[in-house]
Amino acid sequence: MIVDTKANSLRAVVNQTKGRPSEVGGTTGQLVSNEGIDAVIASDIGPQALEIFDGRYGIKVYQGEGKIKDAIRQLEEGILPEITKAALQRYMGLKQEK
């Protein structure tokens, strides 16, 4: 979902990398950058994607969950935490405890 907070609009974008996890970071990073987006909200993010978003494109990544409108409000209020460290275990092929 792409939210333009200035125009108060919401637009869905098809995930072209579904089923190809090794391509998600680069392809999504380029798409987001091309759209002029300056912030991404995610529940967590892997190291490659974080490097692409923040390192390559200067796009900040914030941690949020739940309803989109609530996460956007929290971002605008400055209360969403910025993700500066990737969720390594989930994205390094390590087994997660249930």
N, C-alpha and C. Protein backbone atom coordinates (compact mmCIF):
# COMPACT_ATOMS: atom_id res chain seq x y z
N MET A 1 0.84 -1.17 0.00
CA MET A 1 0.00 0.00 0.00
C MET A 1 0.89 1.24 0.00
N ILE A 2 0.57 2.16 -0.85
CA ILE A 2 1.27 3.44 -0.88
C ILE A 2 0.30 4.50 -0.40
N VAL A 3 0.71 5.23 0.63
CA VAL A 3 -0.13 6.27 1.20
C VAL A 3 0.56 7.61 0.96
N ASP A 4 -0.17 8.52 0.35
CA ASP A 4 0.31 9.89 0.17
C ASP A 4 -0.39 10.71 1.24
N THR A 5 0.33 11.07 2.29
CA THR A 5 -0.29 11.78 3.41
C THR A 5 -0.65 13.21 3.05
N LYS A 6 0.04 13.80 2.09
CA LYS A 6 -0.29 15.17 1.68
C LYS A 6 -1.57 15.20 0.86
N ALA A 7 -1.74 14.24 -0.04
CA ALA A 7 -2.94 14.18 -0.89
C ALA A 7 -4.05 13.37 -0.24
N ASN A 8 -3.74 12.74 0.91
CA ASN A 8 -4.69 11.89 1.61
C ASN A 8 -5.25 10.80 0.69
N SER A 9 -4.31 10.09 0.03
CA SER A 9 -4.72 9.03 -0.90
C SER A 9 -4.01 7.72 -0.56
N LEU A 10 -4.64 6.63 -0.97
CA LEU A 10 -4.14 5.29 -0.72
C LEU A 10 -4.20 4.52 -2.02
N ARG A 11 -3.10 3.81 -2.35
CA ARG A 11 -3.04 3.06 -3.60
C ARG A 11 -2.36 1.73 -3.35
N ALA A 12 -2.96 0.66 -3.85
CA ALA A 12 -2.38 -0.67 -3.73
C ALA A 12 -1.41 -0.91 -4.88
N VAL A 13 -0.31 -1.59 -4.59
CA VAL A 13 0.68 -1.95 -5.60
C VAL A 13 0.86 -3.46 -5.54
N VAL A 14 0.88 -4.09 -6.70
CA VAL A 14 1.05 -5.54 -6.77
C VAL A 14 2.49 -5.91 -6.45
N ASN A 15 2.66 -6.91 -5.59
CA ASN A 15 3.99 -7.40 -5.24
C ASN A 15 4.49 -8.32 -6.36
N GLN A 16 5.36 -7.80 -7.21
CA GLN A 16 5.88 -8.56 -8.35
C GLN A 16 6.90 -9.62 -7.93
N THR A 17 7.37 -9.57 -6.70
CA THR A 17 8.39 -10.52 -6.25
C THR A 17 7.82 -11.63 -5.37
N LYS A 18 6.52 -11.74 -5.27
CA LYS A 18 5.91 -12.78 -4.45
C LYS A 18 6.42 -14.15 -4.89
N GLY A 19 6.90 -14.93 -3.95
CA GLY A 19 7.44 -16.25 -4.26
C GLY A 19 8.90 -16.23 -4.66
N ARG A 20 9.51 -15.04 -4.72
CA ARG A 20 10.93 -14.90 -5.07
C ARG A 20 11.61 -14.02 -4.01
N PRO A 21 11.75 -14.54 -2.78
CA PRO A 21 12.23 -13.71 -1.68
C PRO A 21 13.60 -13.07 -1.91
N SER A 22 14.45 -13.67 -2.71
CA SER A 22 15.78 -13.09 -2.92
C SER A 22 15.72 -11.79 -3.72
N GLU A 23 14.60 -11.53 -4.40
CA GLU A 23 14.46 -10.33 -5.22
C GLU A 23 13.70 -9.20 -4.51
N VAL A 24 13.10 -9.50 -3.38
CA VAL A 24 12.21 -8.54 -2.73
C VAL A 24 12.92 -7.22 -2.41
N GLY A 25 14.05 -7.25 -1.77
CA GLY A 25 14.72 -6.03 -1.35
C GLY A 25 15.04 -5.09 -2.48
N GLY A 26 15.75 -5.57 -3.49
CA GLY A 26 16.17 -4.71 -4.59
C GLY A 26 15.01 -4.19 -5.41
N THR A 27 14.10 -5.07 -5.78
CA THR A 27 12.97 -4.67 -6.61
C THR A 27 12.05 -3.72 -5.86
N THR A 28 11.73 -4.05 -4.63
CA THR A 28 10.85 -3.20 -3.83
C THR A 28 11.52 -1.88 -3.51
N GLY A 29 12.80 -1.90 -3.19
CA GLY A 29 13.53 -0.66 -2.92
C GLY A 29 13.50 0.28 -4.10
N GLN A 30 13.70 -0.25 -5.28
CA GLN A 30 13.68 0.56 -6.49
C GLN A 30 12.27 1.12 -6.75
N LEU A 31 11.25 0.28 -6.58
CA LEU A 31 9.87 0.72 -6.76
C LEU A 31 9.54 1.86 -5.80
N VAL A 32 9.88 1.68 -4.54
CA VAL A 32 9.58 2.69 -3.53
C VAL A 32 10.32 3.98 -3.83
N SER A 33 11.57 3.88 -4.20
CA SER A 33 12.35 5.07 -4.55
C SER A 33 11.77 5.78 -5.77
N ASN A 34 11.39 5.02 -6.78
CA ASN A 34 10.81 5.61 -8.00
C ASN A 34 9.50 6.34 -7.71
N GLU A 35 8.78 5.90 -6.68
CA GLU A 35 7.50 6.53 -6.31
C GLU A 35 7.72 7.79 -5.47
N GLY A 36 8.97 8.08 -5.09
CA GLY A 36 9.26 9.26 -4.29
C GLY A 36 8.91 9.09 -2.82
N ILE A 37 8.83 7.87 -2.37
CA ILE A 37 8.46 7.57 -0.98
C ILE A 37 9.67 7.80 -0.07
N ASP A 38 9.42 8.41 1.09
CA ASP A 38 10.53 8.69 2.00
C ASP A 38 10.47 7.88 3.29
N ALA A 39 9.42 7.07 3.48
CA ALA A 39 9.32 6.24 4.68
C ALA A 39 8.53 4.98 4.38
N VAL A 40 8.92 3.89 5.03
CA VAL A 40 8.25 2.60 4.90
C VAL A 40 7.89 2.15 6.30
N ILE A 41 6.70 1.56 6.43
CA ILE A 41 6.28 0.99 7.70
C ILE A 41 6.17 -0.51 7.52
N ALA A 42 6.83 -1.27 8.40
CA ALA A 42 6.83 -2.73 8.34
C ALA A 42 6.87 -3.28 9.76
N SER A 43 6.43 -4.53 9.91
CA SER A 43 6.52 -5.15 11.24
C SER A 43 7.96 -5.50 11.57
N ASP A 44 8.72 -5.90 10.56
CA ASP A 44 10.16 -6.11 10.69
C ASP A 44 10.75 -6.13 9.28
N ILE A 45 12.06 -6.23 9.20
CA ILE A 45 12.72 -6.16 7.89
C ILE A 45 14.04 -6.91 7.96
N GLY A 46 14.40 -7.54 6.87
CA GLY A 46 15.66 -8.28 6.80
C GLY A 46 16.83 -7.35 6.51
N PRO A 47 18.04 -7.87 6.71
CA PRO A 47 19.23 -7.03 6.55
C PRO A 47 19.44 -6.50 5.14
N GLN A 48 19.18 -7.30 4.13
CA GLN A 48 19.37 -6.85 2.75
C GLN A 48 18.38 -5.73 2.41
N ALA A 49 17.12 -5.92 2.77
CA ALA A 49 16.11 -4.91 2.47
C ALA A 49 16.38 -3.62 3.24
N LEU A 50 16.80 -3.71 4.49
CA LEU A 50 17.11 -2.51 5.27
C LEU A 50 18.27 -1.75 4.64
N GLU A 51 19.28 -2.46 4.20
CA GLU A 51 20.42 -1.81 3.55
C GLU A 51 19.99 -1.13 2.25
N ILE A 52 19.11 -1.77 1.51
CA ILE A 52 18.64 -1.19 0.25
C ILE A 52 17.78 0.04 0.51
N PHE A 53 16.80 -0.08 1.40
CA PHE A 53 15.93 1.07 1.68
C PHE A 53 16.71 2.24 2.27
N ASP A 54 17.35 2.00 3.41
CA ASP A 54 17.99 3.09 4.14
C ASP A 54 19.36 3.44 3.57
N GLY A 55 20.16 2.42 3.28
CA GLY A 55 21.52 2.65 2.80
C GLY A 55 21.59 3.17 1.38
N ARG A 56 20.92 2.49 0.47
CA ARG A 56 21.01 2.86 -0.94
C ARG A 56 20.10 4.03 -1.31
N TYR A 57 18.86 4.01 -0.79
CA TYR A 57 17.88 5.01 -1.22
C TYR A 57 17.56 6.08 -0.18
N GLY A 58 18.06 5.93 1.04
CA GLY A 58 17.79 6.92 2.09
C GLY A 58 16.34 6.94 2.55
N ILE A 59 15.67 5.80 2.44
CA ILE A 59 14.27 5.67 2.85
C ILE A 59 14.24 5.11 4.26
N LYS A 60 13.68 5.86 5.19
CA LYS A 60 13.60 5.41 6.58
C LYS A 60 12.58 4.29 6.71
N VAL A 61 12.86 3.34 7.62
CA VAL A 61 11.97 2.22 7.87
C VAL A 61 11.50 2.30 9.32
N TYR A 62 10.19 2.23 9.51
CA TYR A 62 9.60 2.32 10.85
C TYR A 62 8.85 1.05 11.16
N GLN A 63 8.80 0.72 12.45
CA GLN A 63 8.11 -0.50 12.88
C GLN A 63 6.68 -0.17 13.26
N GLY A 64 5.75 -0.85 12.60
CA GLY A 64 4.34 -0.65 12.89
C GLY A 64 3.54 -1.87 12.50
N GLU A 65 2.43 -2.05 13.16
CA GLU A 65 1.53 -3.17 12.87
C GLU A 65 0.10 -2.69 13.04
N GLY A 66 -0.82 -3.49 12.55
CA GLY A 66 -2.23 -3.15 12.73
C GLY A 66 -2.80 -2.41 11.54
N LYS A 67 -3.76 -1.56 11.81
CA LYS A 67 -4.45 -0.82 10.75
C LYS A 67 -3.54 0.24 10.15
N ILE A 68 -3.63 0.39 8.84
CA ILE A 68 -2.80 1.36 8.12
C ILE A 68 -3.02 2.76 8.66
N LYS A 69 -4.28 3.15 8.86
CA LYS A 69 -4.56 4.51 9.33
C LYS A 69 -3.93 4.78 10.69
N ASP A 70 -3.90 3.75 11.56
CA ASP A 70 -3.29 3.92 12.87
C ASP A 70 -1.78 4.07 12.77
N ALA A 71 -1.17 3.27 11.91
CA ALA A 71 0.29 3.35 11.73
C ALA A 71 0.69 4.69 11.12
N ILE A 72 -0.08 5.18 10.17
CA ILE A 72 0.21 6.48 9.55
C ILE A 72 0.09 7.59 10.59
N ARG A 73 -0.97 7.54 11.39
CA ARG A 73 -1.16 8.54 12.44
C ARG A 73 0.03 8.52 13.41
N GLN A 74 0.45 7.33 13.81
CA GLN A 74 1.58 7.20 14.73
C GLN A 74 2.87 7.72 14.10
N LEU A 75 3.05 7.48 12.81
CA LEU A 75 4.23 8.00 12.12
C LEU A 75 4.20 9.53 12.12
N GLU A 76 3.06 10.09 11.79
CA GLU A 76 2.94 11.55 11.75
C GLU A 76 3.12 12.18 13.14
N GLU A 77 2.73 11.45 14.18
CA GLU A 77 2.90 11.94 15.55
C GLU A 77 4.32 11.71 16.07
N GLY A 78 5.13 11.00 15.29
CA GLY A 78 6.51 10.75 15.68
C GLY A 78 6.68 9.69 16.75
N ILE A 79 5.71 8.78 16.87
CA ILE A 79 5.80 7.76 17.92
C ILE A 79 6.10 6.35 17.40
N LEU A 80 6.21 6.19 16.08
CA LEU A 80 6.62 4.88 15.55
C LEU A 80 8.13 4.77 15.67
N PRO A 81 8.63 3.66 16.20
CA PRO A 81 10.08 3.51 16.29
C PRO A 81 10.72 3.24 14.93
N GLU A 82 11.84 3.87 14.69
CA GLU A 82 12.58 3.61 13.46
C GLU A 82 13.32 2.29 13.59
N ILE A 83 13.31 1.49 12.54
CA ILE A 83 14.06 0.23 12.53
C ILE A 83 15.46 0.55 12.03
N THR A 84 16.44 0.35 12.87
CA THR A 84 17.83 0.59 12.49
C THR A 84 18.64 -0.70 12.50
N LYS A 85 18.03 -1.77 12.98
CA LYS A 85 18.70 -3.07 13.03
C LYS A 85 17.74 -4.11 12.46
N ALA A 86 18.22 -4.88 11.51
CA ALA A 86 17.39 -5.89 10.84
C ALA A 86 17.07 -7.05 11.78
N ALA A 87 15.96 -7.70 11.47
CA ALA A 87 15.55 -8.90 12.19
C ALA A 87 16.32 -10.08 11.61
N LEU A 88 17.53 -10.29 12.08
CA LEU A 88 18.45 -11.24 11.47
C LEU A 88 17.96 -12.68 11.45
N GLN A 89 17.52 -13.22 12.56
CA GLN A 89 17.19 -14.64 12.62
C GLN A 89 16.16 -15.05 11.58
N ARG A 90 15.14 -14.27 11.43
CA ARG A 90 14.07 -14.63 10.51
C ARG A 90 14.56 -14.66 9.07
N TYR A 91 15.54 -13.85 8.74
CA TYR A 91 15.96 -13.71 7.36
C TYR A 91 17.29 -14.38 7.04
N MET A 92 17.87 -15.05 8.00
CA MET A 92 19.15 -15.72 7.77
C MET A 92 19.00 -17.23 7.71
N GLY A 93 17.77 -17.70 7.58
CA GLY A 93 17.53 -19.13 7.49
C GLY A 93 17.63 -19.85 8.81
N LEU A 94 17.59 -19.11 9.91
CA LEU A 94 17.66 -19.72 11.22
C LEU A 94 16.25 -20.11 11.67
N LYS A 95 16.19 -21.20 12.38
CA LYS A 95 14.91 -21.69 12.83
C LYS A 95 14.38 -20.82 13.96
N GLN A 96 13.12 -20.49 13.88
CA GLN A 96 12.46 -19.68 14.91
C GLN A 96 11.78 -20.59 15.91
N GLU A 97 11.85 -20.21 17.17
CA GLU A 97 11.11 -20.94 18.22
C GLU A 97 9.65 -20.55 18.11
N LYS A 98 8.76 -21.51 18.30
CA LYS A 98 7.33 -21.20 18.28
C LYS A 98 6.80 -21.05 19.67
